[in-house]
Structures are given as structure tokens and as C-alpha cells.
Amino acid sequence: MTDRHSAGFSELEETVGVQAERIDELTRTCASLVEDNKAFRQRVEREKDRVLEAEKARLAQVLLETHDGLEMAFRASAPGSGREDPALRDLREGFGLTLTTLEKRIGELGATRLEVLGLPYDPRTGEAIDLAAVTDEAQDGIVVEELRPGWRIGDRVLRAARVRVGRLVRA
């Protein structure tokens, strides 16, 4: 009987060994699936963030076009010489408030206005549409006037500023 027990014990040990290997294999497979799932979730999250940023940028660009139109109307309504009409003053005030609100909404999308005035011209942030004659050597290549503001979201330039750049003229 001891030989039979030994043989039965041996078979049992072999079965346990095979089952332990199978458990190890299934554990590795499960761990691999968990890692794949984690990586998938991270990819989906990155893609969601990318799509959200792209939509914010698209919406900000639409709002910027509206902003430009309102700003042109605001500038055009600037009082000339003499006394200002009260209705025009009220209209200007309304344009001013609307522009402030619109700029706030654009800012809530993560957009910030580019600072270019008084800085060396950079084609990545500015579109030079004209040159302005300057006699001061320090103004050569410097943005001397911003005709239309530029905007960015994070590191991405949504719209380059339209600028006038100083060009030195010798007298």
C-alpha cells in the first residue's frame, strides 16, 4: 500500500504542480490585462484632453473674430473734437463693457493675449504687415504698434498679432 500511496502522492504532487503553473500563467495574464486597461484609460484621457483643448481653441477663435468686430466699432466711435453726444457715449460704454466681458470669456477658455508691443519682432507671435521708419537705433526691429492683438492657449499661438515693426532710417 505504501507504493500505491507513493504513486498517488506523486500524481497528486504532479497535478498540484501543473495547477500551480496554470495559476501563475493566469495571474500573469490577469496582470497584463490590468496594465493594458490602465494604459488604455491613460490614452483615452490624453485623447479627451487633446479634443477638449482643440475645441476650446476653436471656440476662442470664433470669439476672437467677434471681439475684433466689436473693438473696431469701439475705436470708430471714439469721440472727436468737441462735445460728445450722450447716446454715442452710452453706446461706447456698452461696447466697452461687452468687450471686457468677451475678453473674460476668452480668458476662461485658457487664452491669453500675446505681449508684443515694445519687444523685438518675432514671426512666431507676430505678423508684420508694415514697417515704421524710426530714427532711434534701439527701435530697429522692435514692434512699435499692435494693429490687432495676438492670442495663445498654453504654448500654442491661436492667432499671431498684426504689428508694425520699426525699421531704422539714417538721416
N, C-alpha and C. Protein backbone atom coordinates (compact mmCIF):
# COMPACT_ATOMS: atom_id res chain seq x y z
N MET A 1 0.80 -1.18 0.00
CA MET A 1 0.00 0.00 0.00
C MET A 1 0.84 1.25 0.00
N THR A 2 1.98 1.17 0.54
CA THR A 2 2.83 2.35 0.55
C THR A 2 3.26 2.72 -0.84
N ASP A 3 3.47 1.71 -1.73
CA ASP A 3 3.84 2.06 -3.11
C ASP A 3 2.66 2.75 -3.79
N ARG A 4 1.46 2.28 -3.48
CA ARG A 4 0.29 2.91 -4.07
C ARG A 4 0.11 4.32 -3.56
N HIS A 5 0.33 4.49 -2.27
CA HIS A 5 0.24 5.83 -1.70
C HIS A 5 1.29 6.73 -2.29
N SER A 6 2.48 6.17 -2.46
CA SER A 6 3.57 6.95 -3.05
C SER A 6 3.22 7.34 -4.47
N ALA A 7 2.67 6.39 -5.22
CA ALA A 7 2.31 6.68 -6.60
C ALA A 7 1.18 7.72 -6.62
N GLY A 8 0.20 7.56 -5.73
CA GLY A 8 -0.92 8.51 -5.65
C GLY A 8 -0.44 9.89 -5.21
N PHE A 9 0.50 9.86 -4.27
CA PHE A 9 1.06 11.13 -3.78
C PHE A 9 1.84 11.81 -4.88
N SER A 10 2.57 11.04 -5.64
CA SER A 10 3.36 11.56 -6.76
C SER A 10 2.45 12.18 -7.81
N GLU A 11 1.36 11.48 -8.12
CA GLU A 11 0.41 12.01 -9.10
C GLU A 11 -0.23 13.31 -8.58
N LEU A 12 -0.54 13.30 -7.29
CA LEU A 12 -1.12 14.49 -6.67
C LEU A 12 -0.15 15.66 -6.72
N GLU A 13 1.11 15.39 -6.42
CA GLU A 13 2.13 16.44 -6.48
C GLU A 13 2.25 16.98 -7.90
N GLU A 14 2.22 16.08 -8.87
CA GLU A 14 2.32 16.50 -10.28
C GLU A 14 1.11 17.35 -10.66
N THR A 15 -0.08 16.92 -10.23
CA THR A 15 -1.30 17.69 -10.52
C THR A 15 -1.23 19.06 -9.86
N VAL A 16 -0.79 19.13 -8.64
CA VAL A 16 -0.66 20.41 -7.93
C VAL A 16 0.36 21.28 -8.64
N GLY A 17 1.46 20.69 -9.09
CA GLY A 17 2.49 21.45 -9.82
C GLY A 17 1.93 22.04 -11.10
N VAL A 18 1.18 21.22 -11.87
CA VAL A 18 0.58 21.69 -13.12
C VAL A 18 -0.42 22.81 -12.82
N GLN A 19 -1.23 22.60 -11.78
CA GLN A 19 -2.22 23.62 -11.41
C GLN A 19 -1.53 24.91 -10.94
N ALA A 20 -0.45 24.81 -10.23
CA ALA A 20 0.29 26.00 -9.77
C ALA A 20 0.85 26.76 -10.97
N GLU A 21 1.37 26.04 -11.97
CA GLU A 21 1.86 26.69 -13.18
C GLU A 21 0.71 27.40 -13.90
N ARG A 22 -0.44 26.73 -13.96
CA ARG A 22 -1.61 27.33 -14.62
C ARG A 22 -2.07 28.58 -13.87
N ILE A 23 -2.04 28.53 -12.54
CA ILE A 23 -2.41 29.70 -11.73
C ILE A 23 -1.43 30.84 -11.98
N ASP A 24 -0.14 30.54 -12.04
CA ASP A 24 0.88 31.56 -12.33
C ASP A 24 0.63 32.16 -13.70
N GLU A 25 0.34 31.34 -14.69
CA GLU A 25 0.08 31.82 -16.05
C GLU A 25 -1.15 32.73 -16.06
N LEU A 26 -2.22 32.31 -15.40
CA LEU A 26 -3.44 33.12 -15.34
C LEU A 26 -3.21 34.43 -14.58
N THR A 27 -2.41 34.38 -13.53
CA THR A 27 -2.08 35.58 -12.76
C THR A 27 -1.32 36.57 -13.64
N ARG A 28 -0.35 36.07 -14.40
CA ARG A 28 0.41 36.94 -15.31
C ARG A 28 -0.51 37.53 -16.38
N THR A 29 -1.39 36.70 -16.92
CA THR A 29 -2.33 37.18 -17.93
C THR A 29 -3.24 38.26 -17.35
N CYS A 30 -3.73 38.02 -16.16
CA CYS A 30 -4.60 39.00 -15.50
C CYS A 30 -3.85 40.30 -15.24
N ALA A 31 -2.62 40.21 -14.76
CA ALA A 31 -1.80 41.40 -14.51
C ALA A 31 -1.55 42.16 -15.81
N SER A 32 -1.32 41.42 -16.87
CA SER A 32 -1.10 42.04 -18.17
C SER A 32 -2.36 42.77 -18.64
N LEU A 33 -3.51 42.15 -18.44
CA LEU A 33 -4.78 42.79 -18.81
C LEU A 33 -5.03 44.05 -17.98
N VAL A 34 -4.70 43.99 -16.71
CA VAL A 34 -4.86 45.17 -15.85
C VAL A 34 -3.97 46.31 -16.36
N GLU A 35 -2.72 45.99 -16.71
CA GLU A 35 -1.79 47.01 -17.25
C GLU A 35 -2.28 47.55 -18.58
N ASP A 36 -2.77 46.66 -19.45
CA ASP A 36 -3.32 47.11 -20.74
C ASP A 36 -4.51 48.04 -20.53
N ASN A 37 -5.37 47.69 -19.58
CA ASN A 37 -6.53 48.51 -19.27
C ASN A 37 -6.10 49.88 -18.76
N LYS A 38 -5.10 49.89 -17.89
CA LYS A 38 -4.58 51.15 -17.34
C LYS A 38 -4.00 52.01 -18.46
N ALA A 39 -3.22 51.42 -19.36
CA ALA A 39 -2.64 52.15 -20.48
C ALA A 39 -3.74 52.68 -21.40
N PHE A 40 -4.77 51.87 -21.63
CA PHE A 40 -5.90 52.29 -22.47
C PHE A 40 -6.60 53.50 -21.85
N ARG A 41 -6.85 53.45 -20.56
CA ARG A 41 -7.51 54.57 -19.88
C ARG A 41 -6.67 55.84 -19.98
N GLN A 42 -5.36 55.70 -19.85
CA GLN A 42 -4.48 56.86 -19.97
C GLN A 42 -4.53 57.44 -21.38
N ARG A 43 -4.53 56.57 -22.40
CA ARG A 43 -4.63 57.04 -23.79
C ARG A 43 -5.95 57.75 -24.04
N VAL A 44 -7.03 57.18 -23.52
CA VAL A 44 -8.35 57.79 -23.69
C VAL A 44 -8.37 59.15 -22.99
N GLU A 45 -7.80 59.24 -21.82
CA GLU A 45 -7.77 60.51 -21.08
C GLU A 45 -6.96 61.56 -21.83
N ARG A 46 -5.80 61.17 -22.38
CA ARG A 46 -4.98 62.10 -23.18
C ARG A 46 -5.74 62.56 -24.42
N GLU A 47 -6.42 61.64 -25.08
CA GLU A 47 -7.18 61.98 -26.28
C GLU A 47 -8.34 62.91 -25.92
N LYS A 48 -8.99 62.65 -24.81
CA LYS A 48 -10.08 63.51 -24.37
C LYS A 48 -9.56 64.92 -24.10
N ASP A 49 -8.41 65.02 -23.44
CA ASP A 49 -7.80 66.32 -23.17
C ASP A 49 -7.43 67.04 -24.46
N ARG A 50 -6.90 66.28 -25.42
CA ARG A 50 -6.50 66.87 -26.70
C ARG A 50 -7.71 67.41 -27.44
N VAL A 51 -8.80 66.64 -27.48
CA VAL A 51 -10.02 67.07 -28.16
C VAL A 51 -10.61 68.29 -27.45
N LEU A 52 -10.61 68.28 -26.13
CA LEU A 52 -11.13 69.40 -25.36
C LEU A 52 -10.33 70.67 -25.64
N GLU A 53 -9.01 70.57 -25.66
CA GLU A 53 -8.16 71.72 -25.96
C GLU A 53 -8.40 72.24 -27.37
N ALA A 54 -8.56 71.33 -28.32
CA ALA A 54 -8.82 71.74 -29.70
C ALA A 54 -10.16 72.47 -29.80
N GLU A 55 -11.17 71.99 -29.10
CA GLU A 55 -12.48 72.65 -29.13
C GLU A 55 -12.43 74.01 -28.43
N LYS A 56 -11.69 74.10 -27.33
CA LYS A 56 -11.52 75.40 -26.67
C LYS A 56 -10.85 76.39 -27.61
N ALA A 57 -9.82 75.94 -28.32
CA ALA A 57 -9.11 76.80 -29.27
C ALA A 57 -10.05 77.24 -30.39
N ARG A 58 -10.85 76.32 -30.90
CA ARG A 58 -11.79 76.66 -31.97
C ARG A 58 -12.81 77.69 -31.50
N LEU A 59 -13.35 77.47 -30.32
CA LEU A 59 -14.32 78.41 -29.76
C LEU A 59 -13.68 79.76 -29.49
N ALA A 60 -12.47 79.76 -28.97
CA ALA A 60 -11.76 81.02 -28.70
C ALA A 60 -11.54 81.79 -29.99
N GLN A 61 -11.23 81.10 -31.08
CA GLN A 61 -11.02 81.78 -32.35
C GLN A 61 -12.31 82.43 -32.85
N VAL A 62 -13.42 81.76 -32.68
CA VAL A 62 -14.71 82.33 -33.07
C VAL A 62 -14.99 83.58 -32.23
N LEU A 63 -14.75 83.49 -30.93
CA LEU A 63 -14.98 84.63 -30.05
C LEU A 63 -14.02 85.78 -30.38
N LEU A 64 -12.81 85.45 -30.80
CA LEU A 64 -11.84 86.50 -31.16
C LEU A 64 -12.32 87.28 -32.38
N GLU A 65 -12.94 86.61 -33.34
CA GLU A 65 -13.47 87.31 -34.51
C GLU A 65 -14.56 88.29 -34.08
N THR A 66 -15.42 87.87 -33.18
CA THR A 66 -16.46 88.75 -32.66
C THR A 66 -15.82 89.92 -31.90
N HIS A 67 -14.82 89.59 -31.11
CA HIS A 67 -14.09 90.61 -30.34
C HIS A 67 -13.50 91.66 -31.27
N ASP A 68 -12.89 91.21 -32.37
CA ASP A 68 -12.28 92.15 -33.32
C ASP A 68 -13.31 93.11 -33.89
N GLY A 69 -14.48 92.59 -34.25
CA GLY A 69 -15.54 93.45 -34.80
C GLY A 69 -16.01 94.48 -33.79
N LEU A 70 -16.21 94.04 -32.55
CA LEU A 70 -16.64 94.97 -31.51
C LEU A 70 -15.56 96.01 -31.21
N GLU A 71 -14.32 95.58 -31.22
CA GLU A 71 -13.23 96.51 -30.93
C GLU A 71 -13.11 97.57 -32.03
N MET A 72 -13.30 97.17 -33.29
CA MET A 72 -13.27 98.14 -34.38
C MET A 72 -14.40 99.16 -34.23
N ALA A 73 -15.57 98.68 -33.86
CA ALA A 73 -16.71 99.59 -33.65
C ALA A 73 -16.42 100.52 -32.48
N PHE A 74 -15.81 99.99 -31.44
CA PHE A 74 -15.46 100.80 -30.27
C PHE A 74 -14.49 101.90 -30.65
N ARG A 75 -13.45 101.54 -31.40
CA ARG A 75 -12.46 102.53 -31.83
C ARG A 75 -13.08 103.57 -32.76
N ALA A 76 -13.96 103.12 -33.65
CA ALA A 76 -14.59 104.03 -34.60
C ALA A 76 -15.52 105.02 -33.91
N SER A 77 -16.03 104.64 -32.75
CA SER A 77 -16.94 105.52 -32.03
C SER A 77 -16.22 106.48 -31.09
N ALA A 78 -14.89 106.53 -31.17
CA ALA A 78 -14.11 107.41 -30.30
C ALA A 78 -14.55 108.86 -30.51
N PRO A 79 -14.68 109.60 -29.42
CA PRO A 79 -15.14 110.98 -29.56
C PRO A 79 -14.11 111.83 -30.31
N GLY A 80 -14.61 112.66 -31.20
CA GLY A 80 -13.74 113.59 -31.92
C GLY A 80 -13.58 114.84 -31.09
N SER A 81 -13.25 115.90 -31.75
CA SER A 81 -13.14 117.16 -31.02
C SER A 81 -14.54 117.68 -30.73
N GLY A 82 -14.66 118.37 -29.67
CA GLY A 82 -15.96 118.94 -29.31
C GLY A 82 -16.69 118.08 -28.31
N ARG A 83 -17.95 118.38 -28.18
CA ARG A 83 -18.78 117.71 -27.18
C ARG A 83 -19.32 116.38 -27.73
N GLU A 84 -19.31 115.36 -26.87
CA GLU A 84 -19.76 114.03 -27.27
C GLU A 84 -21.27 113.89 -27.05
N ASP A 85 -21.94 113.29 -28.01
CA ASP A 85 -23.37 113.03 -27.93
C ASP A 85 -23.61 111.99 -26.83
N PRO A 86 -24.59 112.22 -25.95
CA PRO A 86 -24.85 111.27 -24.85
C PRO A 86 -25.19 109.87 -25.34
N ALA A 87 -25.90 109.76 -26.45
CA ALA A 87 -26.26 108.43 -26.98
C ALA A 87 -25.01 107.70 -27.44
N LEU A 88 -24.09 108.43 -28.08
CA LEU A 88 -22.84 107.82 -28.53
C LEU A 88 -21.98 107.42 -27.34
N ARG A 89 -22.00 108.24 -26.29
CA ARG A 89 -21.25 107.92 -25.08
C ARG A 89 -21.78 106.63 -24.46
N ASP A 90 -23.12 106.49 -24.41
CA ASP A 90 -23.74 105.28 -23.86
C ASP A 90 -23.41 104.06 -24.72
N LEU A 91 -23.41 104.27 -26.02
CA LEU A 91 -23.06 103.18 -26.94
C LEU A 91 -21.61 102.74 -26.72
N ARG A 92 -20.72 103.70 -26.60
CA ARG A 92 -19.30 103.38 -26.33
C ARG A 92 -19.15 102.63 -25.02
N GLU A 93 -19.89 103.08 -24.02
CA GLU A 93 -19.83 102.41 -22.72
C GLU A 93 -20.30 100.96 -22.84
N GLY A 94 -21.38 100.74 -23.60
CA GLY A 94 -21.88 99.38 -23.83
C GLY A 94 -20.87 98.53 -24.57
N PHE A 95 -20.22 99.10 -25.61
CA PHE A 95 -19.17 98.38 -26.32
C PHE A 95 -18.03 98.01 -25.37
N GLY A 96 -17.66 98.96 -24.54
CA GLY A 96 -16.56 98.72 -23.59
C GLY A 96 -16.87 97.59 -22.63
N LEU A 97 -18.09 97.59 -22.10
CA LEU A 97 -18.50 96.51 -21.17
C LEU A 97 -18.56 95.17 -21.88
N THR A 98 -19.09 95.19 -23.10
CA THR A 98 -19.19 93.95 -23.86
C THR A 98 -17.81 93.40 -24.18
N LEU A 99 -16.88 94.28 -24.57
CA LEU A 99 -15.51 93.85 -24.84
C LEU A 99 -14.85 93.25 -23.61
N THR A 100 -15.06 93.88 -22.46
CA THR A 100 -14.49 93.37 -21.21
C THR A 100 -15.04 91.98 -20.89
N THR A 101 -16.35 91.81 -21.05
CA THR A 101 -16.98 90.51 -20.78
C THR A 101 -16.47 89.46 -21.76
N LEU A 102 -16.37 89.83 -23.02
CA LEU A 102 -15.91 88.89 -24.05
C LEU A 102 -14.46 88.48 -23.78
N GLU A 103 -13.61 89.43 -23.41
CA GLU A 103 -12.22 89.10 -23.08
C GLU A 103 -12.15 88.16 -21.88
N LYS A 104 -13.04 88.36 -20.92
CA LYS A 104 -13.08 87.48 -19.75
C LYS A 104 -13.44 86.05 -20.17
N ARG A 105 -14.45 85.93 -21.05
CA ARG A 105 -14.87 84.60 -21.52
C ARG A 105 -13.75 83.93 -22.32
N ILE A 106 -13.07 84.69 -23.15
CA ILE A 106 -11.95 84.14 -23.92
C ILE A 106 -10.87 83.66 -22.95
N GLY A 107 -10.62 84.44 -21.90
CA GLY A 107 -9.64 84.05 -20.88
C GLY A 107 -10.05 82.79 -20.14
N GLU A 108 -11.35 82.60 -19.93
CA GLU A 108 -11.83 81.40 -19.24
C GLU A 108 -11.58 80.14 -20.07
N LEU A 109 -11.42 80.32 -21.37
CA LEU A 109 -11.09 79.18 -22.24
C LEU A 109 -9.60 78.86 -22.19
N GLY A 110 -8.85 79.67 -21.45
CA GLY A 110 -7.41 79.43 -21.31
C GLY A 110 -6.57 80.29 -22.24
N ALA A 111 -7.21 81.19 -23.00
CA ALA A 111 -6.48 82.03 -23.93
C ALA A 111 -5.93 83.27 -23.22
N THR A 112 -4.73 83.65 -23.60
CA THR A 112 -4.12 84.88 -23.08
C THR A 112 -3.62 85.71 -24.24
N ARG A 113 -3.64 86.99 -24.03
CA ARG A 113 -3.21 87.93 -25.06
C ARG A 113 -1.69 87.91 -25.13
N LEU A 114 -1.16 87.92 -26.36
CA LEU A 114 0.29 87.95 -26.55
C LEU A 114 0.81 89.36 -26.27
N GLU A 115 1.91 89.43 -25.58
CA GLU A 115 2.57 90.71 -25.33
C GLU A 115 3.64 90.87 -26.40
N VAL A 116 3.47 91.83 -27.29
CA VAL A 116 4.43 92.02 -28.38
C VAL A 116 4.93 93.46 -28.48
N LEU A 117 4.14 94.40 -28.02
CA LEU A 117 4.47 95.82 -28.15
C LEU A 117 5.74 96.15 -27.36
N GLY A 118 6.69 96.79 -28.06
CA GLY A 118 7.94 97.18 -27.42
C GLY A 118 8.98 96.07 -27.36
N LEU A 119 8.64 94.90 -27.89
CA LEU A 119 9.56 93.76 -27.88
C LEU A 119 10.13 93.54 -29.28
N PRO A 120 11.26 92.85 -29.39
CA PRO A 120 11.79 92.53 -30.73
C PRO A 120 10.76 91.71 -31.51
N TYR A 121 10.67 91.98 -32.80
CA TYR A 121 9.71 91.27 -33.64
C TYR A 121 10.04 89.79 -33.68
N ASP A 122 9.03 88.96 -33.49
CA ASP A 122 9.16 87.50 -33.52
C ASP A 122 8.08 86.98 -34.47
N PRO A 123 8.48 86.38 -35.60
CA PRO A 123 7.48 85.91 -36.57
C PRO A 123 6.59 84.79 -36.04
N ARG A 124 6.95 84.16 -34.94
CA ARG A 124 6.10 83.12 -34.36
C ARG A 124 4.91 83.71 -33.62
N THR A 125 5.03 84.96 -33.17
CA THR A 125 3.95 85.59 -32.41
C THR A 125 3.37 86.81 -33.10
N GLY A 126 4.03 87.28 -34.15
CA GLY A 126 3.56 88.48 -34.82
C GLY A 126 3.59 88.34 -36.32
N GLU A 127 2.66 89.02 -36.97
CA GLU A 127 2.60 89.09 -38.42
C GLU A 127 2.89 90.55 -38.76
N ALA A 128 4.08 90.80 -39.32
CA ALA A 128 4.46 92.17 -39.65
C ALA A 128 3.74 92.58 -40.93
N ILE A 129 2.85 93.54 -40.82
CA ILE A 129 2.12 93.97 -42.01
C ILE A 129 2.60 95.32 -42.51
N ASP A 130 3.50 95.94 -41.74
CA ASP A 130 4.03 97.23 -42.18
C ASP A 130 5.31 97.52 -41.40
N LEU A 131 6.13 98.38 -41.99
CA LEU A 131 7.33 98.86 -41.33
C LEU A 131 7.12 100.33 -41.00
N ALA A 132 7.65 100.77 -39.88
CA ALA A 132 7.57 102.17 -39.48
C ALA A 132 8.99 102.72 -39.40
N ALA A 133 9.22 103.85 -40.05
CA ALA A 133 10.54 104.47 -40.02
C ALA A 133 10.84 104.97 -38.61
N VAL A 134 12.00 104.59 -38.09
CA VAL A 134 12.44 105.06 -36.77
C VAL A 134 13.85 105.60 -36.90
N THR A 135 14.15 106.61 -36.11
CA THR A 135 15.49 107.19 -36.13
C THR A 135 16.33 106.72 -34.96
N ASP A 136 15.68 106.15 -33.96
CA ASP A 136 16.38 105.62 -32.79
C ASP A 136 16.82 104.19 -33.08
N GLU A 137 18.11 103.96 -33.02
CA GLU A 137 18.65 102.62 -33.33
C GLU A 137 18.08 101.54 -32.42
N ALA A 138 17.71 101.91 -31.20
CA ALA A 138 17.15 100.95 -30.25
C ALA A 138 15.77 100.46 -30.69
N GLN A 139 15.08 101.18 -31.56
CA GLN A 139 13.74 100.82 -32.03
C GLN A 139 13.78 99.95 -33.29
N ASP A 140 14.96 99.77 -33.86
CA ASP A 140 15.09 98.96 -35.09
C ASP A 140 14.75 97.50 -34.79
N GLY A 141 13.77 96.96 -35.51
CA GLY A 141 13.36 95.57 -35.32
C GLY A 141 12.42 95.36 -34.15
N ILE A 142 11.97 96.45 -33.55
CA ILE A 142 11.07 96.38 -32.40
C ILE A 142 9.63 96.62 -32.86
N VAL A 143 8.69 95.93 -32.25
CA VAL A 143 7.27 96.14 -32.55
C VAL A 143 6.89 97.51 -31.96
N VAL A 144 6.52 98.44 -32.85
CA VAL A 144 6.20 99.79 -32.41
C VAL A 144 4.70 100.04 -32.34
N GLU A 145 3.90 99.16 -32.98
CA GLU A 145 2.45 99.32 -32.93
C GLU A 145 1.79 97.95 -33.12
N GLU A 146 0.77 97.71 -32.33
CA GLU A 146 -0.02 96.48 -32.45
C GLU A 146 -1.34 96.86 -33.10
N LEU A 147 -1.58 96.33 -34.30
CA LEU A 147 -2.80 96.66 -35.03
C LEU A 147 -3.94 95.72 -34.70
N ARG A 148 -3.61 94.49 -34.38
CA ARG A 148 -4.60 93.50 -33.96
C ARG A 148 -3.91 92.60 -32.95
N PRO A 149 -4.51 92.38 -31.78
CA PRO A 149 -3.84 91.56 -30.77
C PRO A 149 -3.71 90.10 -31.18
N GLY A 150 -2.67 89.48 -30.69
CA GLY A 150 -2.47 88.05 -30.87
C GLY A 150 -2.87 87.33 -29.58
N TRP A 151 -3.19 86.06 -29.73
CA TRP A 151 -3.64 85.26 -28.58
C TRP A 151 -3.00 83.89 -28.62
N ARG A 152 -2.88 83.28 -27.45
CA ARG A 152 -2.36 81.91 -27.33
C ARG A 152 -3.14 81.16 -26.27
N ILE A 153 -3.11 79.84 -26.42
CA ILE A 153 -3.59 78.94 -25.36
C ILE A 153 -2.41 78.05 -25.04
N GLY A 154 -1.91 78.17 -23.84
CA GLY A 154 -0.70 77.42 -23.45
C GLY A 154 0.46 77.85 -24.32
N ASP A 155 1.12 76.89 -24.95
CA ASP A 155 2.25 77.18 -25.83
C ASP A 155 1.81 77.38 -27.28
N ARG A 156 0.55 77.13 -27.56
CA ARG A 156 0.04 77.20 -28.93
C ARG A 156 -0.47 78.61 -29.24
N VAL A 157 0.06 79.20 -30.32
CA VAL A 157 -0.41 80.52 -30.75
C VAL A 157 -1.70 80.31 -31.53
N LEU A 158 -2.79 80.89 -31.02
CA LEU A 158 -4.08 80.80 -31.70
C LEU A 158 -4.09 81.72 -32.92
N ARG A 159 -3.55 82.89 -32.69
CA ARG A 159 -3.55 83.89 -33.74
C ARG A 159 -2.40 84.84 -33.47
N ALA A 160 -1.58 85.04 -34.49
CA ALA A 160 -0.45 85.96 -34.36
C ALA A 160 -0.98 87.40 -34.34
N ALA A 161 -0.27 88.26 -33.63
CA ALA A 161 -0.64 89.67 -33.60
C ALA A 161 -0.24 90.31 -34.93
N ARG A 162 -1.04 91.24 -35.39
CA ARG A 162 -0.66 92.02 -36.58
C ARG A 162 0.03 93.27 -36.06
N VAL A 163 1.24 93.47 -36.54
CA VAL A 163 2.07 94.52 -35.95
C VAL A 163 2.76 95.38 -37.01
N ARG A 164 3.22 96.52 -36.54
CA ARG A 164 4.07 97.41 -37.32
C ARG A 164 5.44 97.38 -36.64
N VAL A 165 6.48 97.13 -37.44
CA VAL A 165 7.82 96.94 -36.89
C VAL A 165 8.69 98.15 -37.26
N GLY A 166 9.47 98.61 -36.30
CA GLY A 166 10.37 99.74 -36.54
C GLY A 166 11.53 99.34 -37.46
N ARG A 167 11.85 100.22 -38.41
CA ARG A 167 12.99 100.00 -39.31
C ARG A 167 13.81 101.28 -39.30
N LEU A 168 15.06 101.15 -38.94
CA LEU A 168 15.96 102.31 -38.81
C LEU A 168 16.19 102.97 -40.16
N VAL A 169 16.04 104.29 -40.20
CA VAL A 169 16.37 105.08 -41.38
C VAL A 169 17.46 106.06 -40.98
N ARG A 170 18.45 106.15 -41.77
CA ARG A 170 19.56 107.06 -41.49
C ARG A 170 19.27 108.41 -42.13
N ALA A 171 19.46 109.44 -41.36
CA ALA A 171 19.18 110.79 -41.88
C ALA A 171 20.35 111.37 -42.65
